[in-house]
Amino acid sequence: RFCLPLVLASLPTMATGEEIAPALQDSWGDFWLFRFFVNAAGYASIVVPGFLLIQYFKRRNYLETGRGICFPVIKSCVFGSEVKSVHQDDGSLPPRAEPTESSTARQVFKLLFCAAGLQASYLTWGVLQERVMTRTYGATETDPGEKFKDSQFLVFMNRILAFTVAGLYCALTKQPRHGAPMYKYSFASLSNILSSWCQYEALKYISFPTQVLAKASKVIPVMMMGKLVSRKSYEYWEYLTAALISVGVSMFLLSSAPNRHVSTVTTFSGIVLLAGYIIFDSFTSNWQDALFTYKMSPVQMMFGVNVFSCLFTVGSLLEQGALLESLRFMARHSEFTAHAVLLSVCSACGQLFIFYTINQFGAAVFTIIMTLRQAFAILLSCLIYGHTVTVVGGLGIAVVFMALFLRVYARSRMKKRSKKLPPGETPVQKV
C-alpha cells in the first residue's frame, strides 16, 4: 500500500529526466499524469450516470410510453429525430456559397477580410497561449511571481465563450432543423476537451514551435483514424505528403539541442502530451464528420459540442475545488484575467472566421491561409520569446510546409478531376 504513493511521487522526475531536489519539487499532485486522471474521473462522474440514463430510456421504449413536460427534452437528448442527410464529400465542411454577380474588388476585399481575421485571431491566440502557460504573473524585484497551472480552467473559459457565441448566432440566424440526438455530441466534446488540455499542458515541457509542427503533422493520425472510424481510403499523394511531414518534423526535433535554451527542451512528458493531443483531436474531427450525416450547420455543431464541454469542465472543476482557486488567481492578477478573456475571444472569433471563409471560398483557400498562419506563428514565437532554430531545424520546417502546400494543390486537382468523372464512378474519399 506504500508503493503507489512512492511511484506517483517519482513520476515527475522520471518523465522529465531531471533530478529535482525534494525541497524544490512540487507535490506529485501537480504532475500532469495525475491531473489527467483526476480530470478524467471528474468527467466519468457525469458520463457514467448519463450513459445509464440513456440506456434506461432506450430499454423502456420511452418514445412510445413517455409523457409529460420532460418528454420533448428527453426525446431531443436521447433519440433526436434520427433523420440523416446525404453525406457530403467534404464531411464537416458546409457547401460553399457561389458568388452571385459580385465584383472582383468585392471578392478580393472579402478574401483579405477572412485572411486578416483568421491571422489576427489565431496568431494572437498562439502568443497568449504561450504567455499564459510558460510565464509568471505578479513578479517583482523581491517576488518571483507565480505561474498559472490549471489548464482545464483555460479550456472552460474558451468553451463557455464559444458556447455563448454559437448560441447567439443560432438564435439570430436561420438554421436547419436539428435532428441528431444531443448525447452524441458528448463523444466529440470529451475528445475535444482532452485534446485542448493536452495542448495547453504540453507547453510546460516543449517549445511553441515544436507544438505547431506537431499539430501540422496530425494529418498522419487523422488518416489512421479515418481508416479505423470511417473506413476511408486514400490516394498515393496523401501517403507521400504524410511521409514528407514526418521527415520534416523529425529533422526539426532531432536538431534541437537540449542545452541551448530551457524553453526548447523536448521532454518525454511533452512528447506524450503532444501524442495525446493529436490522437484526441483526430478522433474529434472524424466523429464530427460522422455527425454531419445529420442535417446540421457547422455553428449548430459548435453549439452542441460546447454545451457538453461546459458541462464536463465546470463539473470537474467544482469537484476538484479548482474553479474557486482559478478565480482567486484571476482576482490576484488582473493581467492574467485580461489574457484569459482575450484568449477565449480569439478562439471563439477564430471559429466563426473558419465557417465564413470555408463558406465563401472553399476548403482549399482556407487551408492555405491556416498553413501560412502556422508558419507565421512559429516566426512570431521565435521573435517574441527568443526560441532558436538551427539550419537543419529550419530546413525541416520548410519540408513540412512544402508538404502541406503540395497536399492542398493535389487535393484541388483531384476535386476538379472528380467533377469530370462519369456518373457511375465515385472518387476516393480524402482527409
Protein backbone atom coordinates (compact mmCIF):
# COMPACT_ATOMS: atom_id res chain seq x y z
CA ARG A 1 0.00 0.00 0.00
CA PHE A 2 3.03 2.25 0.32
CA CYS A 3 4.20 1.53 -3.25
CA LEU A 4 1.60 3.58 -5.16
CA PRO A 5 2.34 6.95 -3.48
CA LEU A 6 6.06 6.28 -3.90
CA VAL A 7 5.71 5.57 -7.62
CA LEU A 8 3.47 8.60 -8.19
CA ALA A 9 5.89 10.83 -6.32
CA SER A 10 8.76 9.70 -8.55
CA LEU A 11 6.91 10.05 -11.86
CA PRO A 12 7.60 13.78 -12.45
CA THR A 13 11.33 13.20 -12.06
CA MET A 14 11.37 10.18 -14.36
CA ALA A 15 9.25 11.90 -17.02
CA THR A 16 11.50 14.94 -17.35
CA GLY A 17 14.77 13.07 -16.90
CA GLU A 18 15.97 15.63 -14.34
CA GLU A 19 16.96 15.25 -10.71
CA ILE A 20 14.93 17.73 -8.68
CA ALA A 21 15.63 18.34 -5.04
CA PRO A 22 12.71 17.33 -2.81
CA ALA A 23 12.60 20.80 -1.28
CA LEU A 24 12.16 22.42 -4.69
CA GLN A 25 9.89 19.82 -6.26
CA ASP A 26 6.16 20.43 -6.44
CA SER A 27 3.87 17.83 -4.94
CA TRP A 28 3.16 14.80 -7.07
CA GLY A 29 -0.42 16.06 -7.28
CA ASP A 30 0.85 18.76 -9.67
CA PHE A 31 2.21 16.19 -12.12
CA TRP A 32 0.32 16.17 -15.42
CA LEU A 33 -0.43 12.43 -15.41
CA PHE A 34 -2.10 12.64 -12.00
CA ARG A 35 -4.13 15.70 -13.06
CA PHE A 36 -5.15 13.91 -16.25
CA PHE A 37 -6.63 11.00 -14.30
CA VAL A 38 -8.30 13.36 -11.81
CA ASN A 39 -9.90 15.28 -14.68
CA ALA A 40 -10.95 12.04 -16.35
CA ALA A 41 -12.54 10.87 -13.10
CA GLY A 42 -14.50 14.13 -12.96
CA TYR A 43 -15.78 13.60 -16.50
CA ALA A 44 -16.65 9.98 -15.67
CA SER A 45 -18.81 11.12 -12.75
CA ILE A 46 -21.02 12.85 -15.35
CA VAL A 47 -20.67 10.41 -18.25
CA VAL A 48 -21.48 7.21 -16.34
CA PRO A 49 -24.83 8.40 -14.88
CA GLY A 50 -25.71 9.89 -18.26
CA PHE A 51 -24.93 6.61 -20.01
CA LEU A 52 -27.09 4.67 -17.54
CA LEU A 53 -29.99 7.10 -18.05
CA ILE A 54 -29.75 6.80 -21.83
CA GLN A 55 -29.79 3.01 -21.63
CA TYR A 56 -32.75 3.15 -19.26
CA PHE A 57 -34.84 5.34 -21.58
CA LYS A 58 -33.98 3.19 -24.60
CA ARG A 59 -34.89 -0.07 -22.83
CA ARG A 60 -38.17 1.47 -21.66
CA ASN A 61 -39.04 2.42 -25.24
CA TYR A 62 -39.59 5.96 -24.00
CA LEU A 63 -40.64 7.27 -27.42
CA GLU A 64 -43.80 5.15 -27.20
CA THR A 65 -44.51 5.28 -23.46
CA GLY A 66 -43.12 8.66 -22.40
CA ARG A 67 -45.37 11.56 -21.47
CA GLY A 68 -45.18 14.78 -19.50
CA ILE A 69 -43.31 18.05 -19.57
CA CYS A 70 -39.90 16.37 -19.79
CA PHE A 71 -40.76 14.32 -22.89
CA PRO A 72 -39.50 16.85 -25.53
CA VAL A 73 -36.21 17.34 -23.67
CA ILE A 74 -35.56 13.62 -23.21
CA LYS A 75 -36.56 12.91 -26.82
CA SER A 76 -34.15 15.56 -28.11
CA CYS A 77 -31.27 14.43 -25.87
CA VAL A 78 -31.62 10.65 -26.25
CA PHE A 79 -33.39 9.96 -29.54
CA GLY A 80 -33.42 13.07 -31.74
CA SER A 81 -35.32 12.86 -35.00
CA GLU A 82 -32.95 10.16 -36.37
CA VAL A 83 -33.25 11.67 -39.86
CA LYS A 84 -29.97 11.73 -41.71
CA SER A 85 -28.95 13.66 -44.80
CA VAL A 86 -26.74 12.53 -47.65
CA HIS A 87 -23.09 12.60 -46.59
CA GLN A 88 -21.14 15.33 -48.34
CA ASP A 89 -17.70 14.84 -49.84
CA ASP A 90 -16.14 17.35 -47.51
CA GLY A 91 -17.74 15.88 -44.38
CA SER A 92 -17.72 18.64 -41.85
CA LEU A 93 -17.39 21.38 -44.44
CA PRO A 94 -20.54 23.29 -45.41
CA PRO A 95 -21.40 23.78 -49.08
CA ARG A 96 -19.58 26.78 -50.43
CA ALA A 97 -21.72 29.71 -51.46
CA GLU A 98 -21.21 30.53 -55.12
CA PRO A 99 -20.62 34.25 -55.71
CA THR A 100 -23.59 35.90 -57.41
CA GLU A 101 -22.73 38.80 -59.69
CA SER A 102 -20.10 40.04 -57.27
CA SER A 103 -17.35 42.33 -58.47
CA THR A 104 -13.73 41.19 -58.35
CA ALA A 105 -12.85 44.02 -55.96
CA ARG A 106 -15.53 42.88 -53.54
CA GLN A 107 -14.33 39.28 -53.65
CA VAL A 108 -10.75 40.41 -53.05
CA PHE A 109 -11.92 42.51 -50.10
CA LYS A 110 -13.77 39.51 -48.64
CA LEU A 111 -10.71 37.31 -49.06
CA LEU A 112 -8.46 39.88 -47.36
CA PHE A 113 -11.03 40.26 -44.57
CA CYS A 114 -11.13 36.48 -43.99
CA ALA A 115 -7.34 36.14 -44.13
CA ALA A 116 -6.81 39.08 -41.76
CA GLY A 117 -9.46 37.79 -39.34
CA LEU A 118 -8.01 34.29 -39.23
CA GLN A 119 -4.43 35.50 -38.89
CA ALA A 120 -5.25 38.06 -36.19
CA SER A 121 -7.40 35.62 -34.18
CA TYR A 122 -5.08 32.64 -34.20
CA LEU A 123 -1.74 34.45 -34.09
CA THR A 124 -2.93 36.40 -31.04
CA TRP A 125 -4.31 33.17 -29.58
CA GLY A 126 -0.96 31.41 -30.05
CA VAL A 127 1.09 34.22 -28.48
CA LEU A 128 -1.27 34.46 -25.49
CA GLN A 129 -1.35 30.70 -25.05
CA GLU A 130 2.44 30.57 -24.72
CA ARG A 131 2.44 33.61 -22.42
CA VAL A 132 -0.16 32.16 -20.03
CA MET A 133 1.36 28.69 -19.78
CA THR A 134 5.08 29.50 -19.66
CA ARG A 135 5.49 32.86 -17.89
CA THR A 136 4.85 34.08 -14.34
CA TYR A 137 2.39 36.71 -13.11
CA GLY A 138 2.95 39.27 -10.38
CA ALA A 139 6.75 39.16 -10.50
CA THR A 140 8.59 41.99 -8.69
CA GLU A 141 12.16 42.64 -7.61
CA THR A 142 11.58 40.70 -4.40
CA ASP A 143 8.86 38.26 -5.53
CA PRO A 144 9.45 35.81 -8.42
CA GLY A 145 5.70 35.67 -9.08
CA GLU A 146 3.59 32.60 -9.73
CA LYS A 147 2.57 30.54 -12.75
CA PHE A 148 -0.95 29.56 -13.64
CA LYS A 149 -1.14 25.77 -13.57
CA ASP A 150 -4.72 24.68 -14.26
CA SER A 151 -5.05 24.09 -18.00
CA GLN A 152 -8.61 22.81 -17.56
CA PHE A 153 -9.79 26.24 -16.42
CA LEU A 154 -8.49 27.78 -19.66
CA VAL A 155 -10.37 25.11 -21.61
CA PHE A 156 -13.51 26.01 -19.66
CA MET A 157 -13.05 29.74 -20.40
CA ASN A 158 -12.69 29.04 -24.13
CA ARG A 159 -15.70 26.75 -24.24
CA ILE A 160 -18.09 28.96 -22.27
CA LEU A 161 -17.49 31.88 -24.64
CA ALA A 162 -17.70 29.66 -27.75
CA PHE A 163 -20.98 28.24 -26.40
CA THR A 164 -22.36 31.77 -25.90
CA VAL A 165 -21.30 32.98 -29.35
CA ALA A 166 -22.66 29.87 -31.12
CA GLY A 167 -25.93 30.08 -29.17
CA LEU A 168 -26.47 33.73 -30.09
CA TYR A 169 -25.63 33.02 -33.73
CA CYS A 170 -28.12 30.12 -33.88
CA ALA A 171 -30.80 32.25 -32.20
CA LEU A 172 -30.35 35.21 -34.57
CA THR A 173 -29.98 33.33 -37.86
CA LYS A 174 -31.98 30.65 -39.63
CA GLN A 175 -30.57 27.17 -39.07
CA PRO A 176 -31.54 23.70 -40.37
CA ARG A 177 -33.96 21.69 -38.26
CA HIS A 178 -31.86 19.80 -35.73
CA GLY A 179 -32.13 16.01 -35.85
CA ALA A 180 -29.13 14.47 -34.06
CA PRO A 181 -29.57 13.05 -30.53
CA MET A 182 -27.82 15.55 -28.25
CA TYR A 183 -25.87 12.90 -26.35
CA LYS A 184 -23.86 12.10 -29.49
CA TYR A 185 -22.11 15.46 -29.18
CA SER A 186 -20.62 14.30 -25.88
CA PHE A 187 -18.11 11.99 -27.60
CA ALA A 188 -16.64 14.81 -29.68
CA SER A 189 -16.84 17.09 -26.66
CA LEU A 190 -14.80 14.76 -24.43
CA SER A 191 -12.08 14.23 -27.03
CA ASN A 192 -12.05 17.98 -27.78
CA ILE A 193 -11.62 18.85 -24.09
CA LEU A 194 -8.82 16.33 -23.66
CA SER A 195 -7.02 17.46 -26.83
CA SER A 196 -7.18 21.11 -25.72
CA TRP A 197 -5.97 20.19 -22.23
CA CYS A 198 -3.02 18.25 -23.68
CA GLN A 199 -2.23 21.20 -25.95
CA TYR A 200 -2.06 23.68 -23.07
CA GLU A 201 -0.24 21.27 -20.76
CA ALA A 202 2.39 20.38 -23.38
CA LEU A 203 3.66 23.98 -23.40
CA LYS A 204 5.06 23.38 -19.91
CA TYR A 205 7.51 20.88 -21.39
CA ILE A 206 8.15 21.79 -25.05
CA SER A 207 8.54 24.93 -27.11
CA PHE A 208 5.70 26.50 -29.05
CA PRO A 209 7.39 25.94 -32.49
CA THR A 210 7.65 22.23 -31.66
CA GLN A 211 3.97 22.15 -30.81
CA VAL A 212 2.98 23.92 -34.04
CA LEU A 213 4.95 21.44 -36.15
CA ALA A 214 3.45 18.51 -34.27
CA LYS A 215 -0.03 19.91 -34.95
CA ALA A 216 0.86 20.23 -38.64
CA SER A 217 1.76 16.53 -38.66
CA LYS A 218 -1.59 15.43 -37.24
CA VAL A 219 -2.69 14.55 -40.77
CA ILE A 220 -1.00 11.17 -40.20
CA PRO A 221 -3.13 10.06 -37.22
CA VAL A 222 -6.16 11.67 -38.89
CA MET A 223 -5.64 9.28 -41.80
CA MET A 224 -5.23 6.38 -39.40
CA MET A 225 -8.41 7.34 -37.53
CA GLY A 226 -10.19 7.72 -40.86
CA LYS A 227 -9.25 4.14 -41.68
CA LEU A 228 -10.49 2.86 -38.33
CA VAL A 229 -13.56 5.04 -37.70
CA SER A 230 -14.85 5.96 -41.17
CA ARG A 231 -13.31 3.17 -43.30
CA LYS A 232 -11.82 5.73 -45.68
CA SER A 233 -9.27 5.05 -48.40
CA TYR A 234 -6.59 7.47 -49.58
CA GLU A 235 -4.62 8.42 -52.66
CA TYR A 236 -0.87 7.80 -53.10
CA TRP A 237 -0.07 11.53 -52.82
CA GLU A 238 -1.70 11.63 -49.39
CA TYR A 239 0.69 8.96 -48.13
CA LEU A 240 3.61 10.77 -49.81
CA THR A 241 2.84 14.13 -48.18
CA ALA A 242 2.29 12.41 -44.82
CA ALA A 243 5.76 10.84 -45.11
CA LEU A 244 7.31 14.22 -46.02
CA ILE A 245 5.67 15.82 -42.98
CA SER A 246 7.08 13.08 -40.76
CA VAL A 247 10.58 13.62 -42.17
CA GLY A 248 10.38 17.40 -41.68
CA VAL A 249 9.14 17.14 -38.10
CA SER A 250 11.85 14.58 -37.29
CA MET A 251 14.55 16.89 -38.70
CA PHE A 252 13.31 19.75 -36.53
CA LEU A 253 13.07 17.68 -33.34
CA LEU A 254 16.44 15.96 -33.76
CA SER A 255 18.19 19.28 -34.46
CA SER A 256 17.02 20.81 -31.14
CA ALA A 257 19.98 20.79 -28.78
CA PRO A 258 18.96 20.13 -25.14
CA ASN A 259 21.47 22.60 -23.73
CA ARG A 260 20.54 25.55 -25.93
CA HIS A 261 17.62 27.03 -24.03
CA VAL A 262 15.30 25.77 -21.36
CA SER A 263 12.17 26.51 -23.37
CA THR A 264 13.38 24.43 -26.34
CA VAL A 265 13.94 21.24 -24.40
CA THR A 266 11.69 18.48 -25.68
CA THR A 267 10.94 16.21 -22.74
CA PHE A 268 9.29 12.85 -22.61
CA SER A 269 6.23 14.36 -20.95
CA GLY A 270 5.88 16.90 -23.76
CA ILE A 271 6.05 14.18 -26.42
CA VAL A 272 3.41 12.11 -24.63
CA LEU A 273 1.11 15.13 -24.26
CA LEU A 274 1.53 16.06 -27.92
CA ALA A 275 0.71 12.49 -28.91
CA GLY A 276 -2.39 12.71 -26.71
CA TYR A 277 -3.41 15.99 -28.34
CA ILE A 278 -3.04 14.57 -31.86
CA ILE A 279 -4.91 11.33 -31.06
CA PHE A 280 -7.82 13.06 -29.32
CA ASP A 281 -8.05 15.77 -31.98
CA SER A 282 -8.03 13.18 -34.77
CA PHE A 283 -10.92 11.36 -33.11
CA THR A 284 -12.82 14.65 -32.73
CA SER A 285 -12.63 15.51 -36.42
CA ASN A 286 -13.67 12.02 -37.54
CA TRP A 287 -16.55 11.82 -35.06
CA GLN A 288 -17.79 15.24 -36.14
CA ASP A 289 -17.54 14.11 -39.74
CA ALA A 290 -19.83 11.19 -38.87
CA LEU A 291 -22.25 13.52 -37.05
CA PHE A 292 -22.61 15.69 -40.14
CA THR A 293 -24.61 12.86 -41.72
CA TYR A 294 -27.43 14.53 -39.80
CA LYS A 295 -28.68 17.73 -41.35
CA MET A 296 -26.96 20.47 -39.33
CA SER A 297 -24.85 23.57 -39.80
CA PRO A 298 -21.27 23.96 -38.50
CA VAL A 299 -22.49 26.51 -35.94
CA GLN A 300 -25.02 24.00 -34.62
CA MET A 301 -22.15 21.53 -34.28
CA MET A 302 -20.13 24.19 -32.44
CA PHE A 303 -23.05 24.83 -30.09
CA GLY A 304 -23.77 21.15 -29.37
CA VAL A 305 -20.15 20.23 -28.66
CA ASN A 306 -19.59 23.26 -26.43
CA VAL A 307 -22.74 22.57 -24.39
CA PHE A 308 -21.22 19.31 -23.19
CA SER A 309 -17.73 20.82 -22.93
CA CYS A 310 -19.02 23.45 -20.49
CA LEU A 311 -20.89 20.77 -18.52
CA PHE A 312 -17.89 18.45 -18.25
CA THR A 313 -15.28 21.09 -17.42
CA VAL A 314 -17.32 23.03 -14.85
CA GLY A 315 -18.36 19.77 -13.19
CA SER A 316 -14.77 18.56 -12.94
CA LEU A 317 -13.50 21.94 -11.72
CA LEU A 318 -16.16 22.11 -9.00
CA GLU A 319 -15.44 18.57 -7.83
CA GLN A 320 -11.73 19.36 -7.52
CA GLY A 321 -12.28 22.77 -5.96
CA ALA A 322 -10.15 24.21 -8.77
CA LEU A 323 -12.75 26.66 -10.04
CA LEU A 324 -12.57 28.87 -6.96
CA GLU A 325 -8.78 28.65 -6.89
CA SER A 326 -8.55 29.78 -10.53
CA LEU A 327 -10.97 32.64 -9.86
CA ARG A 328 -8.80 33.71 -6.91
CA PHE A 329 -5.78 33.68 -9.23
CA MET A 330 -7.70 35.93 -11.63
CA ALA A 331 -8.53 38.27 -8.74
CA ARG A 332 -4.86 38.44 -7.71
CA HIS A 333 -3.56 39.08 -11.23
CA SER A 334 -5.60 41.38 -13.46
CA GLU A 335 -3.11 40.83 -16.29
CA PHE A 336 -3.95 37.13 -16.32
CA THR A 337 -7.66 37.96 -16.39
CA ALA A 338 -7.16 40.10 -19.50
CA HIS A 339 -5.07 37.39 -21.16
CA ALA A 340 -7.59 34.61 -20.37
CA VAL A 341 -10.55 36.64 -21.66
CA LEU A 342 -8.71 37.69 -24.83
CA LEU A 343 -7.62 34.08 -25.36
CA SER A 344 -11.26 32.98 -25.27
CA VAL A 345 -12.40 35.81 -27.54
CA CYS A 346 -9.76 34.93 -30.15
CA SER A 347 -10.73 31.25 -30.02
CA ALA A 348 -14.46 31.95 -30.50
CA CYS A 349 -13.94 34.58 -33.23
CA GLY A 350 -11.48 32.28 -34.98
CA GLN A 351 -14.11 29.54 -35.24
CA LEU A 352 -16.61 31.96 -36.79
CA PHE A 353 -13.98 33.13 -39.31
CA ILE A 354 -13.36 29.47 -40.19
CA PHE A 355 -17.03 28.90 -41.04
CA TYR A 356 -17.31 32.13 -43.03
CA THR A 357 -14.09 31.57 -45.00
CA ILE A 358 -15.00 28.00 -45.99
CA ASN A 359 -18.50 29.07 -46.95
CA GLN A 360 -17.24 31.91 -49.15
CA PHE A 361 -14.07 30.49 -50.71
CA GLY A 362 -13.96 26.74 -50.04
CA ALA A 363 -11.68 24.46 -48.08
CA ALA A 364 -8.59 24.86 -50.27
CA VAL A 365 -8.29 28.63 -49.72
CA PHE A 366 -8.97 28.16 -46.01
CA THR A 367 -6.23 25.51 -45.71
CA ILE A 368 -3.69 27.77 -47.43
CA ILE A 369 -4.49 30.64 -45.05
CA MET A 370 -4.19 28.41 -41.98
CA THR A 371 -0.94 26.85 -43.24
CA LEU A 372 0.54 30.32 -43.61
CA ARG A 373 -0.74 31.10 -40.13
CA GLN A 374 1.25 28.18 -38.69
CA ALA A 375 4.44 29.46 -40.35
CA PHE A 376 3.80 32.99 -39.05
CA ALA A 377 3.09 31.60 -35.57
CA ILE A 378 6.50 29.92 -35.42
CA LEU A 379 8.23 33.11 -36.61
CA LEU A 380 6.31 35.29 -34.14
CA SER A 381 7.04 32.95 -31.23
CA CYS A 382 10.76 32.93 -32.05
CA LEU A 383 10.83 36.74 -32.20
CA ILE A 384 8.84 37.37 -29.01
CA TYR A 385 10.03 34.54 -26.76
CA GLY A 386 13.55 34.01 -28.09
CA HIS A 387 13.32 30.44 -29.42
CA THR A 388 16.31 29.43 -31.55
CA VAL A 389 16.10 27.27 -34.67
CA THR A 390 19.12 25.58 -36.29
CA VAL A 391 19.72 25.37 -40.04
CA VAL A 392 18.63 21.72 -40.06
CA GLY A 393 15.58 22.62 -37.99
CA GLY A 394 14.68 25.43 -40.40
CA LEU A 395 15.04 23.01 -43.31
CA GLY A 396 12.70 20.60 -41.52
CA ILE A 397 10.12 23.38 -41.11
CA ALA A 398 10.42 24.16 -44.84
CA VAL A 399 9.85 20.48 -45.71
CA VAL A 400 6.71 20.36 -43.53
CA PHE A 401 5.11 23.43 -45.09
CA MET A 402 6.14 22.38 -48.60
CA ALA A 403 4.31 19.08 -47.99
CA LEU A 404 1.25 20.91 -46.69
CA PHE A 405 1.06 23.16 -49.76
CA LEU A 406 1.61 20.14 -52.02
CA ARG A 407 -1.30 18.47 -50.25
CA VAL A 408 -3.58 21.44 -50.90
CA TYR A 409 -2.57 21.55 -54.58
CA ALA A 410 -3.08 17.81 -55.10
CA ARG A 411 -6.45 17.88 -53.40
CA SER A 412 -7.70 20.77 -55.56
CA ARG A 413 -6.59 18.90 -58.70
CA MET A 414 -8.40 15.77 -57.55
CA LYS A 415 -11.60 17.71 -56.90
CA LYS A 416 -11.52 19.20 -60.39
CA ARG A 417 -10.95 15.75 -61.86
CA SER A 418 -13.76 14.19 -59.81
CA LYS A 419 -16.26 16.67 -61.31
CA LYS A 420 -15.45 15.27 -64.76
CA LEU A 421 -15.97 11.61 -63.77
CA PRO A 422 -18.84 9.65 -65.36
CA PRO A 423 -22.00 9.45 -63.19
CA GLY A 424 -21.35 5.84 -62.19
CA GLU A 425 -17.87 6.46 -60.79
CA THR A 426 -17.06 7.95 -57.40
CA PRO A 427 -13.74 9.46 -56.34
CA VAL A 428 -11.75 8.17 -53.39
CA GLN A 429 -12.62 9.94 -50.14
CA LYS A 430 -9.90 12.21 -48.83
CA VAL A 431 -8.97 13.71 -45.48
